[in-house]
């Protein structure tokens, strides 16, 4: 299970990176991986960190996973406020279309 999560997380992070690099020009991105969740990089990174903690259950990997969860949950709130301020109605409409922050159909 840990290996699957780690590979899935790495894949999602890579897919996000190439999509973002090719498409971000200062506008709100809502296509590609952003059609599933509002923060796809965080989804991938959390899957990778949790996968490593399961695959290699050492103090370091478990600590990485715990700090990643706490940090990302804290930072998402700030990022959402920034995006709402920057993109206004477009971001509110996007939130209605894609209600999940990092886990489709869960959160």
N, C-alpha and C. Protein backbone atom coordinates (compact mmCIF):
# COMPACT_ATOMS: atom_id res chain seq x y z
N UNK A 1 0.83 -1.20 0.00
CA UNK A 1 0.00 0.00 0.00
C UNK A 1 0.87 1.26 0.00
N UNK A 2 1.95 1.23 0.79
CA UNK A 2 2.83 2.39 0.85
C UNK A 2 3.48 2.70 -0.49
N UNK A 3 3.88 1.64 -1.19
CA UNK A 3 4.50 1.83 -2.51
C UNK A 3 3.53 2.42 -3.51
N UNK A 4 2.29 1.94 -3.48
CA UNK A 4 1.26 2.45 -4.39
C UNK A 4 1.00 3.93 -4.11
N UNK A 5 0.84 4.28 -2.84
CA UNK A 5 0.61 5.69 -2.47
C UNK A 5 1.79 6.58 -2.88
N UNK A 6 3.00 6.09 -2.65
CA UNK A 6 4.19 6.86 -3.00
C UNK A 6 4.26 7.10 -4.51
N UNK A 7 4.05 6.06 -5.29
CA UNK A 7 4.08 6.21 -6.74
C UNK A 7 2.94 7.08 -7.25
N UNK A 8 1.75 6.89 -6.69
CA UNK A 8 0.62 7.72 -7.08
C UNK A 8 0.89 9.19 -6.76
N UNK A 9 1.43 9.45 -5.58
CA UNK A 9 1.75 10.82 -5.20
C UNK A 9 2.78 11.44 -6.11
N UNK A 10 3.82 10.69 -6.45
CA UNK A 10 4.85 11.20 -7.36
C UNK A 10 4.25 11.49 -8.73
N UNK A 11 3.37 10.61 -9.21
CA UNK A 11 2.72 10.81 -10.50
C UNK A 11 1.86 12.07 -10.50
N UNK A 12 1.05 12.25 -9.45
CA UNK A 12 0.17 13.42 -9.37
C UNK A 12 1.01 14.70 -9.30
N UNK A 13 2.08 14.70 -8.53
CA UNK A 13 2.96 15.88 -8.44
C UNK A 13 3.57 16.20 -9.80
N UNK A 14 4.06 15.18 -10.50
CA UNK A 14 4.67 15.40 -11.81
C UNK A 14 3.64 15.90 -12.82
N UNK A 15 2.47 15.27 -12.80
CA UNK A 15 1.42 15.70 -13.73
C UNK A 15 1.02 17.14 -13.45
N UNK A 16 0.85 17.50 -12.18
CA UNK A 16 0.52 18.88 -11.83
C UNK A 16 1.60 19.82 -12.34
N UNK A 17 2.87 19.48 -12.09
CA UNK A 17 3.97 20.37 -12.46
C UNK A 17 3.97 20.65 -13.96
N UNK A 18 3.86 19.63 -14.77
CA UNK A 18 3.89 19.84 -16.22
C UNK A 18 2.66 20.60 -16.70
N UNK A 19 1.51 20.33 -16.11
CA UNK A 19 0.31 21.09 -16.47
C UNK A 19 0.47 22.56 -16.08
N UNK A 20 0.90 22.78 -14.85
CA UNK A 20 1.06 24.16 -14.36
C UNK A 20 2.09 24.91 -15.19
N UNK A 21 3.22 24.32 -15.46
CA UNK A 21 4.29 24.98 -16.21
C UNK A 21 3.83 25.35 -17.62
N UNK A 22 3.06 24.50 -18.24
CA UNK A 22 2.59 24.74 -19.61
C UNK A 22 1.44 25.74 -19.68
N UNK A 23 0.66 25.88 -18.59
CA UNK A 23 -0.58 26.64 -18.67
C UNK A 23 -0.66 27.89 -17.82
N UNK A 24 0.12 28.00 -16.77
CA UNK A 24 -0.05 29.14 -15.87
C UNK A 24 0.56 30.40 -16.47
N UNK A 25 -0.28 31.39 -16.66
CA UNK A 25 0.15 32.69 -17.18
C UNK A 25 -0.42 33.81 -16.31
N UNK A 26 -0.66 33.52 -15.04
CA UNK A 26 -1.22 34.51 -14.13
C UNK A 26 -2.72 34.41 -13.95
N UNK A 27 -3.36 33.57 -14.72
CA UNK A 27 -4.81 33.42 -14.63
C UNK A 27 -5.16 32.22 -13.74
N UNK A 28 -6.40 32.16 -13.34
CA UNK A 28 -6.89 31.04 -12.53
C UNK A 28 -6.93 29.78 -13.38
N UNK A 29 -6.27 28.73 -12.93
CA UNK A 29 -6.30 27.45 -13.63
C UNK A 29 -7.44 26.60 -13.09
N UNK A 30 -8.26 26.08 -13.99
CA UNK A 30 -9.38 25.25 -13.56
C UNK A 30 -9.48 23.96 -14.37
N UNK A 31 -8.56 23.73 -15.29
CA UNK A 31 -8.57 22.53 -16.11
C UNK A 31 -7.57 21.51 -15.61
N UNK A 32 -7.36 20.48 -16.41
CA UNK A 32 -6.37 19.45 -16.05
C UNK A 32 -6.64 18.87 -14.68
N UNK A 33 -5.60 18.78 -13.85
CA UNK A 33 -5.79 18.20 -12.51
C UNK A 33 -6.67 19.06 -11.61
N UNK A 34 -6.87 20.32 -11.97
CA UNK A 34 -7.71 21.22 -11.18
C UNK A 34 -9.20 20.93 -11.37
N UNK A 35 -9.55 20.03 -12.26
CA UNK A 35 -10.96 19.66 -12.40
C UNK A 35 -11.40 18.67 -11.32
N UNK A 36 -10.41 18.03 -10.68
CA UNK A 36 -10.71 17.04 -9.64
C UNK A 36 -10.67 17.63 -8.24
N UNK A 37 -9.62 18.41 -7.96
CA UNK A 37 -9.44 19.06 -6.66
C UNK A 37 -8.83 20.44 -6.88
N UNK A 38 -9.02 21.32 -5.90
CA UNK A 38 -8.51 22.69 -6.05
C UNK A 38 -7.02 22.81 -5.79
N UNK A 39 -6.43 21.83 -5.13
CA UNK A 39 -5.00 21.88 -4.80
C UNK A 39 -4.34 20.55 -5.15
N UNK A 40 -4.21 20.24 -6.44
CA UNK A 40 -3.71 18.93 -6.84
C UNK A 40 -2.26 18.65 -6.42
N UNK A 41 -1.42 19.67 -6.34
CA UNK A 41 -0.05 19.41 -5.89
C UNK A 41 -0.04 18.91 -4.46
N UNK A 42 -0.85 19.51 -3.61
CA UNK A 42 -0.94 19.08 -2.22
C UNK A 42 -1.45 17.65 -2.13
N UNK A 43 -2.40 17.30 -2.99
CA UNK A 43 -2.91 15.94 -3.03
C UNK A 43 -1.77 14.96 -3.30
N UNK A 44 -1.00 15.27 -4.32
CA UNK A 44 0.11 14.40 -4.68
C UNK A 44 1.17 14.32 -3.60
N UNK A 45 1.52 15.48 -3.03
CA UNK A 45 2.56 15.49 -2.01
C UNK A 45 2.13 14.73 -0.77
N UNK A 46 0.87 14.90 -0.36
CA UNK A 46 0.39 14.16 0.80
C UNK A 46 0.37 12.65 0.54
N UNK A 47 -0.05 12.25 -0.63
CA UNK A 47 -0.03 10.83 -0.96
C UNK A 47 1.39 10.29 -0.92
N UNK A 48 2.33 11.06 -1.47
CA UNK A 48 3.73 10.66 -1.45
C UNK A 48 4.26 10.55 -0.03
N UNK A 49 4.01 11.56 0.79
CA UNK A 49 4.50 11.56 2.18
C UNK A 49 3.87 10.44 2.99
N UNK A 50 2.57 10.24 2.86
CA UNK A 50 1.90 9.16 3.59
C UNK A 50 2.37 7.80 3.09
N UNK A 51 2.56 7.68 1.78
CA UNK A 51 3.06 6.44 1.23
C UNK A 51 4.44 6.08 1.75
N UNK A 52 5.31 7.08 1.84
CA UNK A 52 6.65 6.83 2.39
C UNK A 52 6.58 6.41 3.85
N UNK A 53 5.67 7.03 4.61
CA UNK A 53 5.53 6.69 6.03
C UNK A 53 5.06 5.25 6.21
N UNK A 54 4.21 4.78 5.30
CA UNK A 54 3.73 3.40 5.37
C UNK A 54 4.80 2.44 4.84
N UNK A 55 5.43 2.83 3.74
CA UNK A 55 6.43 1.97 3.11
C UNK A 55 7.70 1.83 3.96
N UNK A 56 8.14 2.95 4.53
CA UNK A 56 9.36 2.97 5.35
C UNK A 56 9.01 3.64 6.68
N UNK A 57 8.42 2.91 7.61
CA UNK A 57 7.92 3.52 8.85
C UNK A 57 9.03 3.89 9.84
N UNK A 58 9.78 4.89 9.47
CA UNK A 58 10.82 5.42 10.34
C UNK A 58 10.34 6.72 10.96
N UNK A 59 11.02 7.15 12.01
CA UNK A 59 10.67 8.42 12.65
C UNK A 59 10.63 9.55 11.63
N UNK A 60 11.61 9.59 10.74
CA UNK A 60 11.71 10.67 9.77
C UNK A 60 10.54 10.70 8.78
N UNK A 61 10.15 9.54 8.28
CA UNK A 61 9.07 9.53 7.30
C UNK A 61 7.72 9.81 7.95
N UNK A 62 7.52 9.29 9.14
CA UNK A 62 6.28 9.57 9.86
C UNK A 62 6.21 11.05 10.22
N UNK A 63 7.32 11.61 10.66
CA UNK A 63 7.37 13.04 10.99
C UNK A 63 7.09 13.88 9.75
N UNK A 64 7.69 13.51 8.62
CA UNK A 64 7.43 14.22 7.37
C UNK A 64 5.95 14.20 7.05
N UNK A 65 5.31 13.05 7.17
CA UNK A 65 3.88 12.94 6.87
C UNK A 65 3.06 13.81 7.81
N UNK A 66 3.35 13.76 9.10
CA UNK A 66 2.58 14.55 10.07
C UNK A 66 2.75 16.05 9.85
N UNK A 67 3.99 16.48 9.65
CA UNK A 67 4.23 17.90 9.40
C UNK A 67 3.62 18.33 8.07
N UNK A 68 3.64 17.45 7.08
CA UNK A 68 3.04 17.78 5.79
C UNK A 68 1.54 17.98 5.93
N UNK A 69 0.88 17.08 6.64
CA UNK A 69 -0.57 17.21 6.85
C UNK A 69 -0.88 18.53 7.55
N UNK A 70 -0.20 18.79 8.65
CA UNK A 70 -0.46 20.02 9.42
C UNK A 70 -0.16 21.26 8.59
N UNK A 71 0.98 21.27 7.93
CA UNK A 71 1.37 22.44 7.14
C UNK A 71 0.44 22.70 5.98
N UNK A 72 0.08 21.66 5.28
CA UNK A 72 -0.79 21.84 4.12
C UNK A 72 -2.19 22.27 4.55
N UNK A 73 -2.73 21.69 5.60
CA UNK A 73 -4.05 22.12 6.07
C UNK A 73 -4.04 23.58 6.49
N UNK A 74 -2.96 24.01 7.13
CA UNK A 74 -2.83 25.42 7.52
C UNK A 74 -2.69 26.30 6.28
N UNK A 75 -1.83 25.90 5.36
CA UNK A 75 -1.53 26.74 4.21
C UNK A 75 -2.70 26.82 3.23
N UNK A 76 -3.47 25.75 3.09
CA UNK A 76 -4.61 25.77 2.18
C UNK A 76 -5.57 26.90 2.55
N UNK A 77 -5.82 27.08 3.82
CA UNK A 77 -6.74 28.13 4.26
C UNK A 77 -6.23 29.50 3.80
N UNK A 78 -4.97 29.76 3.98
CA UNK A 78 -4.39 31.04 3.56
C UNK A 78 -4.41 31.18 2.05
N UNK A 79 -4.11 30.11 1.35
CA UNK A 79 -4.10 30.16 -0.11
C UNK A 79 -5.49 30.40 -0.66
N UNK A 80 -6.49 29.76 -0.06
CA UNK A 80 -7.86 29.96 -0.52
C UNK A 80 -8.29 31.42 -0.33
N UNK A 81 -7.92 32.03 0.79
CA UNK A 81 -8.23 33.44 1.02
C UNK A 81 -7.56 34.31 -0.04
N UNK A 82 -6.29 34.02 -0.35
CA UNK A 82 -5.56 34.78 -1.36
C UNK A 82 -6.23 34.63 -2.74
N UNK A 83 -6.59 33.40 -3.10
CA UNK A 83 -7.21 33.16 -4.41
C UNK A 83 -8.56 33.85 -4.52
N UNK A 84 -9.32 33.85 -3.45
CA UNK A 84 -10.60 34.54 -3.44
C UNK A 84 -10.40 36.04 -3.61
N UNK A 85 -9.41 36.58 -2.94
CA UNK A 85 -9.11 38.00 -3.06
C UNK A 85 -8.63 38.35 -4.47
N UNK A 86 -7.80 37.50 -5.03
CA UNK A 86 -7.21 37.79 -6.34
C UNK A 86 -8.18 37.58 -7.49
N UNK A 87 -8.96 36.48 -7.44
CA UNK A 87 -9.81 36.13 -8.57
C UNK A 87 -11.30 36.35 -8.33
N UNK A 88 -11.68 36.67 -7.10
CA UNK A 88 -13.06 37.03 -6.78
C UNK A 88 -14.10 36.04 -7.24
N UNK A 89 -15.04 36.54 -8.04
CA UNK A 89 -16.18 35.73 -8.47
C UNK A 89 -15.74 34.48 -9.24
N UNK A 90 -14.72 34.60 -10.05
CA UNK A 90 -14.24 33.44 -10.82
C UNK A 90 -13.82 32.32 -9.86
N UNK A 91 -13.18 32.68 -8.76
CA UNK A 91 -12.77 31.65 -7.81
C UNK A 91 -13.97 31.08 -7.05
N UNK A 92 -14.93 31.93 -6.68
CA UNK A 92 -16.14 31.44 -6.02
C UNK A 92 -16.89 30.46 -6.93
N UNK A 93 -16.98 30.77 -8.22
CA UNK A 93 -17.63 29.86 -9.16
C UNK A 93 -16.88 28.55 -9.26
N UNK A 94 -15.56 28.64 -9.28
CA UNK A 94 -14.72 27.44 -9.34
C UNK A 94 -14.92 26.57 -8.09
N UNK A 95 -15.00 27.19 -6.92
CA UNK A 95 -15.21 26.46 -5.67
C UNK A 95 -16.55 25.72 -5.72
N UNK A 96 -17.56 26.33 -6.31
CA UNK A 96 -18.86 25.66 -6.44
C UNK A 96 -18.76 24.45 -7.39
N UNK A 97 -17.98 24.59 -8.45
CA UNK A 97 -17.83 23.48 -9.41
C UNK A 97 -16.94 22.37 -8.86
N UNK A 98 -15.90 22.75 -8.12
CA UNK A 98 -14.94 21.78 -7.57
C UNK A 98 -14.89 22.00 -6.05
N UNK A 99 -15.77 21.36 -5.30
CA UNK A 99 -15.85 21.61 -3.86
C UNK A 99 -14.75 20.94 -3.03
N UNK A 100 -13.96 20.05 -3.64
CA UNK A 100 -12.96 19.30 -2.88
C UNK A 100 -11.61 19.99 -2.94
N UNK A 101 -11.01 20.16 -1.78
CA UNK A 101 -9.71 20.84 -1.70
C UNK A 101 -8.56 19.93 -2.09
N UNK A 102 -8.46 18.74 -1.46
CA UNK A 102 -7.33 17.87 -1.76
C UNK A 102 -7.70 16.40 -1.99
N UNK A 103 -8.86 15.97 -1.53
CA UNK A 103 -9.27 14.57 -1.72
C UNK A 103 -10.63 14.55 -2.38
N UNK A 104 -10.71 14.10 -3.65
CA UNK A 104 -12.00 14.10 -4.33
C UNK A 104 -13.09 13.36 -3.54
N UNK A 105 -14.23 14.01 -3.45
CA UNK A 105 -15.42 13.48 -2.78
C UNK A 105 -15.28 13.29 -1.27
N UNK A 106 -14.15 13.79 -0.70
CA UNK A 106 -13.93 13.68 0.74
C UNK A 106 -13.67 15.05 1.35
N UNK A 107 -12.60 15.71 0.90
CA UNK A 107 -12.21 17.01 1.49
C UNK A 107 -11.56 17.87 0.44
